[in-house]
Amino acid sequence: MKDLTNPFWIKFKGALFLFLGLFAAIMLWLDAPTWKDAGLLVLIIWCFCRAYYFAFYVIEHYVDPGFKFSGLFSFLQYLWTKKR
């Protein structure tokens, strides 16, 4: 698959992710509109964002500078091969 290099489409893709994430979060919260559910949803989003940051930025810059990721599957492959 060809890399996305056009700045317009990169920004569009980011905006689309943001829109879809907000839409899904709102729909989920409207299904069970309690403060507890809203708080748990925020916590879930924050934790997954931190896990994504750890999987790529922290590993690449602090643990193994030679590792260059290309996605979640390459990160899982990195973890699997490092354990052996």
PDB file of N, CA and C in Angstrom:
ATOM      1  N   MET A   1       0.847  -1.170   0.000  1.00  0.00           N
ATOM      2  CA  MET A   1       0.000   0.000   0.000  1.00  0.00           C
ATOM      3  C   MET A   1       0.894   1.235   0.000  1.00  0.00           C
ATOM      4  N   LYS A   2       0.533   2.202  -0.786  1.00  0.00           N
ATOM      5  CA  LYS A   2       1.289   3.445  -0.910  1.00  0.00           C
ATOM      6  C   LYS A   2       1.101   4.321   0.327  1.00  0.00           C
ATOM      7  N   ASP A   3       2.169   5.002   0.763  1.00  0.00           N
ATOM      8  CA  ASP A   3       2.084   5.915   1.900  1.00  0.00           C
ATOM      9  C   ASP A   3       1.246   7.138   1.541  1.00  0.00           C
ATOM     10  N   LEU A   4       0.528   7.632   2.532  1.00  0.00           N
ATOM     11  CA  LEU A   4      -0.273   8.844   2.356  1.00  0.00           C
ATOM     12  C   LEU A   4       0.657  10.038   2.547  1.00  0.00           C
ATOM     13  N   THR A   5       0.817  10.866   1.511  1.00  0.00           N
ATOM     14  CA  THR A   5       1.761  11.988   1.586  1.00  0.00           C
ATOM     15  C   THR A   5       1.119  13.346   1.358  1.00  0.00           C
ATOM     16  N   ASN A   6      -0.079  13.385   0.807  1.00  0.00           N
ATOM     17  CA  ASN A   6      -0.744  14.652   0.529  1.00  0.00           C
ATOM     18  C   ASN A   6      -1.228  15.261   1.853  1.00  0.00           C
ATOM     19  N   PRO A   7      -0.763  16.488   2.191  1.00  0.00           N
ATOM     20  CA  PRO A   7      -1.151  17.104   3.468  1.00  0.00           C
ATOM     21  C   PRO A   7      -2.659  17.247   3.655  1.00  0.00           C
ATOM     22  N   PHE A   8      -3.381  17.529   2.585  1.00  0.00           N
ATOM     23  CA  PHE A   8      -4.838  17.667   2.703  1.00  0.00           C
ATOM     24  C   PHE A   8      -5.456  16.364   3.184  1.00  0.00           C
ATOM     25  N   TRP A   9      -5.079  15.246   2.555  1.00  0.00           N
ATOM     26  CA  TRP A   9      -5.670  13.955   2.905  1.00  0.00           C
ATOM     27  C   TRP A   9      -5.214  13.473   4.271  1.00  0.00           C
ATOM     28  N   ILE A  10      -4.009  13.843   4.677  1.00  0.00           N
ATOM     29  CA  ILE A  10      -3.538  13.492   6.018  1.00  0.00           C
ATOM     30  C   ILE A  10      -4.398  14.210   7.063  1.00  0.00           C
ATOM     31  N   LYS A  11      -4.648  15.498   6.841  1.00  0.00           N
ATOM     32  CA  LYS A  11      -5.494  16.264   7.760  1.00  0.00           C
ATOM     33  C   LYS A  11      -6.933  15.755   7.729  1.00  0.00           C
ATOM     34  N   PHE A  12      -7.432  15.431   6.540  1.00  0.00           N
ATOM     35  CA  PHE A  12      -8.783  14.898   6.408  1.00  0.00           C
ATOM     36  C   PHE A  12      -8.921  13.584   7.175  1.00  0.00           C
ATOM     37  N   LYS A  13      -7.918  12.733   7.064  1.00  0.00           N
ATOM     38  CA  LYS A  13      -7.940  11.449   7.768  1.00  0.00           C
ATOM     39  C   LYS A  13      -7.948  11.674   9.286  1.00  0.00           C
ATOM     40  N   GLY A  14      -7.136  12.614   9.765  1.00  0.00           N
ATOM     41  CA  GLY A  14      -7.128  12.933  11.195  1.00  0.00           C
ATOM     42  C   GLY A  14      -8.471  13.470  11.663  1.00  0.00           C
ATOM     43  N   ALA A  15      -9.055  14.362  10.870  1.00  0.00           N
ATOM     44  CA  ALA A  15     -10.367  14.917  11.222  1.00  0.00           C
ATOM     45  C   ALA A  15     -11.443  13.827  11.211  1.00  0.00           C
ATOM     46  N   LEU A  16     -11.348  12.910  10.267  1.00  0.00           N
ATOM     47  CA  LEU A  16     -12.300  11.809  10.195  1.00  0.00           C
ATOM     48  C   LEU A  16     -12.189  10.908  11.424  1.00  0.00           C
ATOM     49  N   PHE A  17     -10.963  10.597  11.849  1.00  0.00           N
ATOM     50  CA  PHE A  17     -10.776   9.816  13.075  1.00  0.00           C
ATOM     51  C   PHE A  17     -11.384  10.530  14.274  1.00  0.00           C
ATOM     52  N   LEU A  18     -11.141  11.829  14.374  1.00  0.00           N
ATOM     53  CA  LEU A  18     -11.682  12.606  15.485  1.00  0.00           C
ATOM     54  C   LEU A  18     -13.210  12.592  15.453  1.00  0.00           C
ATOM     55  N   PHE A  19     -13.800  12.838  14.296  1.00  0.00           N
ATOM     56  CA  PHE A  19     -15.251  12.839  14.163  1.00  0.00           C
ATOM     57  C   PHE A  19     -15.848  11.480  14.527  1.00  0.00           C
ATOM     58  N   LEU A  20     -15.285  10.407  13.969  1.00  0.00           N
ATOM     59  CA  LEU A  20     -15.816   9.074  14.240  1.00  0.00           C
ATOM     60  C   LEU A  20     -15.671   8.702  15.711  1.00  0.00           C
ATOM     61  N   GLY A  21     -14.544   9.068  16.321  1.00  0.00           N
ATOM     62  CA  GLY A  21     -14.356   8.797  17.736  1.00  0.00           C
ATOM     63  C   GLY A  21     -15.349   9.543  18.599  1.00  0.00           C
ATOM     64  N   LEU A  22     -15.552  10.818  18.315  1.00  0.00           N
ATOM     65  CA  LEU A  22     -16.528  11.606  19.072  1.00  0.00           C
ATOM     66  C   LEU A  22     -17.945  11.083  18.858  1.00  0.00           C
ATOM     67  N   PHE A  23     -18.272  10.740  17.623  1.00  0.00           N
ATOM     68  CA  PHE A  23     -19.595  10.211  17.323  1.00  0.00           C
ATOM     69  C   PHE A  23     -19.846   8.911  18.088  1.00  0.00           C
ATOM     70  N   ALA A  24     -18.869   8.005  18.065  1.00  0.00           N
ATOM     71  CA  ALA A  24     -19.026   6.730  18.769  1.00  0.00           C
ATOM     72  C   ALA A  24     -19.142   6.952  20.275  1.00  0.00           C
ATOM     73  N   ALA A  25     -18.331   7.852  20.822  1.00  0.00           N
ATOM     74  CA  ALA A  25     -18.387   8.128  22.262  1.00  0.00           C
ATOM     75  C   ALA A  25     -19.739   8.723  22.656  1.00  0.00           C
ATOM     76  N   ILE A  26     -20.243   9.646  21.851  1.00  0.00           N
ATOM     77  CA  ILE A  26     -21.542  10.259  22.144  1.00  0.00           C
ATOM     78  C   ILE A  26     -22.655   9.220  22.060  1.00  0.00           C
ATOM     79  N   MET A  27     -22.612   8.386  21.038  1.00  0.00           N
ATOM     80  CA  MET A  27     -23.644   7.351  20.884  1.00  0.00           C
ATOM     81  C   MET A  27     -23.594   6.359  22.046  1.00  0.00           C
ATOM     82  N   LEU A  28     -22.393   5.994  22.464  1.00  0.00           N
ATOM     83  CA  LEU A  28     -22.258   5.074  23.587  1.00  0.00           C
ATOM     84  C   LEU A  28     -22.771   5.704  24.871  1.00  0.00           C
ATOM     85  N   TRP A  29     -22.438   6.966  25.103  1.00  0.00           N
ATOM     86  CA  TRP A  29     -22.872   7.639  26.328  1.00  0.00           C
ATOM     87  C   TRP A  29     -24.383   7.869  26.326  1.00  0.00           C
ATOM     88  N   LEU A  30     -24.954   8.182  25.156  1.00  0.00           N
ATOM     89  CA  LEU A  30     -26.406   8.376  25.088  1.00  0.00           C
ATOM     90  C   LEU A  30     -27.164   7.083  25.383  1.00  0.00           C
ATOM     91  N   ASP A  31     -26.521   5.947  25.155  1.00  0.00           N
ATOM     92  CA  ASP A  31     -27.139   4.670  25.468  1.00  0.00           C
ATOM     93  C   ASP A  31     -27.259   4.464  26.979  1.00  0.00           C
ATOM     94  N   ALA A  32     -26.310   5.003  27.731  1.00  0.00           N
ATOM     95  CA  ALA A  32     -26.323   4.894  29.199  1.00  0.00           C
ATOM     96  C   ALA A  32     -25.790   6.198  29.781  1.00  0.00           C
ATOM     97  N   PRO A  33     -26.627   7.256  29.814  1.00  0.00           N
ATOM     98  CA  PRO A  33     -26.144   8.593  30.195  1.00  0.00           C
ATOM     99  C   PRO A  33     -25.992   8.806  31.708  1.00  0.00           C
ATOM    100  N   THR A  34     -24.970   8.221  32.272  1.00  0.00           N
ATOM    101  CA  THR A  34     -24.660   8.473  33.681  1.00  0.00           C
ATOM    102  C   THR A  34     -23.260   9.060  33.765  1.00  0.00           C
ATOM    103  N   TRP A  35     -22.986   9.753  34.863  1.00  0.00           N
ATOM    104  CA  TRP A  35     -21.656  10.328  35.043  1.00  0.00           C
ATOM    105  C   TRP A  35     -20.596   9.239  35.185  1.00  0.00           C
ATOM    106  N   LYS A  36     -20.994   8.118  35.766  1.00  0.00           N
ATOM    107  CA  LYS A  36     -20.061   7.001  35.901  1.00  0.00           C
ATOM    108  C   LYS A  36     -19.638   6.502  34.518  1.00  0.00           C
ATOM    109  N   ASP A  37     -20.610   6.311  33.630  1.00  0.00           N
ATOM    110  CA  ASP A  37     -20.290   5.835  32.283  1.00  0.00           C
ATOM    111  C   ASP A  37     -19.471   6.861  31.503  1.00  0.00           C
ATOM    112  N   ALA A  38     -19.781   8.131  31.674  1.00  0.00           N
ATOM    113  CA  ALA A  38     -19.006   9.178  30.999  1.00  0.00           C
ATOM    114  C   ALA A  38     -17.558   9.160  31.497  1.00  0.00           C
ATOM    115  N   GLY A  39     -17.376   9.033  32.805  1.00  0.00           N
ATOM    116  CA  GLY A  39     -16.034   8.973  33.372  1.00  0.00           C
ATOM    117  C   GLY A  39     -15.262   7.755  32.911  1.00  0.00           C
ATOM    118  N   LEU A  40     -15.925   6.607  32.868  1.00  0.00           N
ATOM    119  CA  LEU A  40     -15.267   5.391  32.392  1.00  0.00           C
ATOM    120  C   LEU A  40     -14.898   5.493  30.916  1.00  0.00           C
ATOM    121  N   LEU A  41     -15.750   6.122  30.128  1.00  0.00           N
ATOM    122  CA  LEU A  41     -15.455   6.313  28.714  1.00  0.00           C
ATOM    123  C   LEU A  41     -14.226   7.205  28.526  1.00  0.00           C
ATOM    124  N   VAL A  42     -14.154   8.277  29.286  1.00  0.00           N
ATOM    125  CA  VAL A  42     -12.982   9.157  29.229  1.00  0.00           C
ATOM    126  C   VAL A  42     -11.727   8.397  29.658  1.00  0.00           C
ATOM    127  N   LEU A  43     -11.821   7.603  30.703  1.00  0.00           N
ATOM    128  CA  LEU A  43     -10.680   6.819  31.183  1.00  0.00           C
ATOM    129  C   LEU A  43     -10.230   5.798  30.135  1.00  0.00           C
ATOM    130  N   ILE A  44     -11.174   5.138  29.496  1.00  0.00           N
ATOM    131  CA  ILE A  44     -10.850   4.172  28.450  1.00  0.00           C
ATOM    132  C   ILE A  44     -10.094   4.852  27.308  1.00  0.00           C
ATOM    133  N   ILE A  45     -10.613   5.984  26.855  1.00  0.00           N
ATOM    134  CA  ILE A  45      -9.977   6.703  25.752  1.00  0.00           C
ATOM    135  C   ILE A  45      -8.574   7.139  26.145  1.00  0.00           C
ATOM    136  N   TRP A  46      -8.413   7.692  27.332  1.00  0.00           N
ATOM    137  CA  TRP A  46      -7.104   8.161  27.789  1.00  0.00           C
ATOM    138  C   TRP A  46      -6.114   6.994  27.880  1.00  0.00           C
ATOM    139  N   CYS A  47      -6.557   5.867  28.421  1.00  0.00           N
ATOM    140  CA  CYS A  47      -5.667   4.713  28.571  1.00  0.00           C
ATOM    141  C   CYS A  47      -5.221   4.162  27.221  1.00  0.00           C
ATOM    142  N   PHE A  48      -6.127   4.072  26.272  1.00  0.00           N
ATOM    143  CA  PHE A  48      -5.739   3.573  24.956  1.00  0.00           C
ATOM    144  C   PHE A  48      -4.818   4.550  24.233  1.00  0.00           C
ATOM    145  N   CYS A  49      -5.027   5.834  24.419  1.00  0.00           N
ATOM    146  CA  CYS A  49      -4.112   6.820  23.827  1.00  0.00           C
ATOM    147  C   CYS A  49      -2.714   6.677  24.416  1.00  0.00           C
ATOM    148  N   ARG A  50      -2.627   6.501  25.726  1.00  0.00           N
ATOM    149  CA  ARG A  50      -1.322   6.320  26.375  1.00  0.00           C
ATOM    150  C   ARG A  50      -0.666   5.010  25.945  1.00  0.00           C
ATOM    151  N   ALA A  51      -1.452   3.957  25.779  1.00  0.00           N
ATOM    152  CA  ALA A  51      -0.902   2.675  25.329  1.00  0.00           C
ATOM    153  C   ALA A  51      -0.356   2.802  23.905  1.00  0.00           C
ATOM    154  N   TYR A  52      -1.053   3.516  23.054  1.00  0.00           N
ATOM    155  CA  TYR A  52      -0.591   3.730  21.679  1.00  0.00           C
ATOM    156  C   TYR A  52       0.707   4.534  21.685  1.00  0.00           C
ATOM    157  N   TYR A  53       0.748   5.584  22.501  1.00  0.00           N
ATOM    158  CA  TYR A  53       1.956   6.395  22.643  1.00  0.00           C
ATOM    159  C   TYR A  53       3.114   5.531  23.120  1.00  0.00           C
ATOM    160  N   PHE A  54       2.877   4.695  24.109  1.00  0.00           N
ATOM    161  CA  PHE A  54       3.918   3.816  24.633  1.00  0.00           C
ATOM    162  C   PHE A  54       4.390   2.842  23.562  1.00  0.00           C
ATOM    163  N   ALA A  55       3.430   2.251  22.839  1.00  0.00           N
ATOM    164  CA  ALA A  55       3.772   1.233  21.850  1.00  0.00           C
ATOM    165  C   ALA A  55       4.701   1.771  20.767  1.00  0.00           C
ATOM    166  N   PHE A  56       4.600   3.028  20.461  1.00  0.00           N
ATOM    167  CA  PHE A  56       5.415   3.545  19.373  1.00  0.00           C
ATOM    168  C   PHE A  56       6.458   4.551  19.832  1.00  0.00           C
ATOM    169  N   TYR A  57       6.059   5.642  20.390  1.00  0.00           N
ATOM    170  CA  TYR A  57       7.020   6.697  20.715  1.00  0.00           C
ATOM    171  C   TYR A  57       8.008   6.256  21.788  1.00  0.00           C
ATOM    172  N   VAL A  58       7.529   5.716  22.885  1.00  0.00           N
ATOM    173  CA  VAL A  58       8.411   5.342  23.992  1.00  0.00           C
ATOM    174  C   VAL A  58       9.361   4.219  23.571  1.00  0.00           C
ATOM    175  N   ILE A  59       8.829   3.183  22.929  1.00  0.00           N
ATOM    176  CA  ILE A  59       9.678   2.074  22.489  1.00  0.00           C
ATOM    177  C   ILE A  59      10.723   2.573  21.494  1.00  0.00           C
ATOM    178  N   GLU A  60      10.289   3.362  20.521  1.00  0.00           N
ATOM    179  CA  GLU A  60      11.203   3.824  19.470  1.00  0.00           C
ATOM    180  C   GLU A  60      12.258   4.795  19.983  1.00  0.00           C
ATOM    181  N   HIS A  61      11.909   5.652  20.924  1.00  0.00           N
ATOM    182  CA  HIS A  61      12.847   6.691  21.357  1.00  0.00           C
ATOM    183  C   HIS A  61      13.628   6.353  22.631  1.00  0.00           C
ATOM    184  N   TYR A  62      13.106   5.489  23.483  1.00  0.00           N
ATOM    185  CA  TYR A  62      13.777   5.232  24.757  1.00  0.00           C
ATOM    186  C   TYR A  62      14.213   3.782  24.954  1.00  0.00           C
ATOM    187  N   VAL A  63      13.469   2.823  24.412  1.00  0.00           N
ATOM    188  CA  VAL A  63      13.787   1.416  24.663  1.00  0.00           C
ATOM    189  C   VAL A  63      14.666   0.840  23.566  1.00  0.00           C
ATOM    190  N   ASP A  64      14.281   1.032  22.303  1.00  0.00           N
ATOM    191  CA  ASP A  64      15.003   0.456  21.176  1.00  0.00           C
ATOM    192  C   ASP A  64      15.002   1.442  20.013  1.00  0.00           C
ATOM    193  N   PRO A  65      16.002   2.335  19.952  1.00  0.00           N
ATOM    194  CA  PRO A  65      16.035   3.348  18.889  1.00  0.00           C
ATOM    195  C   PRO A  65      16.100   2.763  17.478  1.00  0.00           C
ATOM    196  N   GLY A  66      16.493   1.499  17.344  1.00  0.00           N
ATOM    197  CA  GLY A  66      16.556   0.881  16.029  1.00  0.00           C
ATOM    198  C   GLY A  66      15.207   0.399  15.525  1.00  0.00           C
ATOM    199  N   PHE A  67      14.203   0.381  16.387  1.00  0.00           N
ATOM    200  CA  PHE A  67      12.871  -0.098  15.999  1.00  0.00           C
ATOM    201  C   PHE A  67      12.096   1.011  15.309  1.00  0.00           C
ATOM    202  N   LYS A  68      11.647   0.736  14.098  1.00  0.00           N
ATOM    203  CA  LYS A  68      10.803   1.676  13.359  1.00  0.00           C
ATOM    204  C   LYS A  68       9.485   0.970  13.086  1.00  0.00           C
ATOM    205  N   PHE A  69       8.398   1.514  13.597  1.00  0.00           N
ATOM    206  CA  PHE A  69       7.103   0.848  13.477  1.00  0.00           C
ATOM    207  C   PHE A  69       6.413   1.194  12.170  1.00  0.00           C
ATOM    208  N   SER A  70       5.508   0.316  11.788  1.00  0.00           N
ATOM    209  CA  SER A  70       4.658   0.609  10.636  1.00  0.00           C
ATOM    210  C   SER A  70       3.203   0.350  10.979  1.00  0.00           C
ATOM    211  N   GLY A  71       2.918   0.066  12.225  1.00  0.00           N
ATOM    212  CA  GLY A  71       1.548  -0.169  12.655  1.00  0.00           C
ATOM    213  C   GLY A  71       1.520  -1.087  13.864  1.00  0.00           C
ATOM    214  N   LEU A  72       0.322  -1.359  14.346  1.00  0.00           N
ATOM    215  CA  LEU A  72       0.179  -2.196  15.539  1.00  0.00           C
ATOM    216  C   LEU A  72       0.683  -3.612  15.317  1.00  0.00           C
ATOM    217  N   PHE A  73       0.495  -4.147  14.120  1.00  0.00           N
ATOM    218  CA  PHE A  73       0.963  -5.510  13.861  1.00  0.00           C
ATOM    219  C   PHE A  73       2.488  -5.591  13.906  1.00  0.00           C
ATOM    220  N   SER A  74       3.171  -4.561  13.416  1.00  0.00           N
ATOM    221  CA  SER A  74       4.636  -4.588  13.488  1.00  0.00           C
ATOM    222  C   SER A  74       5.101  -4.471  14.936  1.00  0.00           C
ATOM    223  N   PHE A  75       4.352  -3.738  15.764  1.00  0.00           N
ATOM    224  CA  PHE A  75       4.695  -3.653  17.181  1.00  0.00           C
ATOM    225  C   PHE A  75       4.508  -5.009  17.863  1.00  0.00           C
ATOM    226  N   LEU A  76       3.409  -5.695  17.562  1.00  0.00           N
ATOM    227  CA  LEU A  76       3.185  -7.028  18.140  1.00  0.00           C
ATOM    228  C   LEU A  76       4.254  -8.013  17.673  1.00  0.00           C
ATOM    229  N   GLN A  77       4.651  -7.896  16.418  1.00  0.00           N
ATOM    230  CA  GLN A  77       5.721  -8.750  15.904  1.00  0.00           C
ATOM    231  C   GLN A  77       7.034  -8.431  16.631  1.00  0.00           C
ATOM    232  N   TYR A  78       7.304  -7.162  16.881  1.00  0.00           N
ATOM    233  CA  TYR A  78       8.492  -6.755  17.628  1.00  0.00           C
ATOM    234  C   TYR A  78       8.487  -7.378  19.026  1.00  0.00           C
ATOM    235  N   LEU A  79       7.345  -7.294  19.711  1.00  0.00           N
ATOM    236  CA  LEU A  79       7.262  -7.883  21.041  1.00  0.00           C
ATOM    237  C   LEU A  79       7.472  -9.391  21.004  1.00  0.00           C
ATOM    238  N   TRP A  80       6.901 -10.062  20.021  1.00  0.00           N
ATOM    239  CA  TRP A  80       6.995 -11.517  19.910  1.00  0.00           C
ATOM    240  C   TRP A  80       8.441 -11.943  19.635  1.00  0.00           C
ATOM    241  N   THR A  81       9.132 -11.230  18.756  1.00  0.00           N
ATOM    242  CA  THR A  81      10.499 -11.625  18.402  1.00  0.00           C
ATOM    243  C   THR A  81      11.496 -11.252  19.493  1.00  0.00           C
ATOM    244  N   LYS A  82      11.223 -10.218  20.273  1.00  0.00           N
ATOM    245  CA  LYS A  82      12.133  -9.826  21.361  1.00  0.00           C
ATOM    246  C   LYS A  82      12.063 -10.802  22.534  1.00  0.00           C
ATOM    247  N   LYS A  83      10.932 -11.475  22.711  1.00  0.00           N
ATOM    248  CA  LYS A  83      10.799 -12.426  23.816  1.00  0.00           C
ATOM    249  C   LYS A  83      11.570 -13.707  23.558  1.00  0.00           C
ATOM    250  N   ARG A  84      11.849 -14.020  22.296  1.00  0.00           N
ATOM    251  CA  ARG A  84      12.531 -15.274  21.960  1.00  0.00           C
ATOM    252  C   ARG A  84      14.001 -15.146  22.030  1.00  0.00           C
TER     253      ARG A  84
END
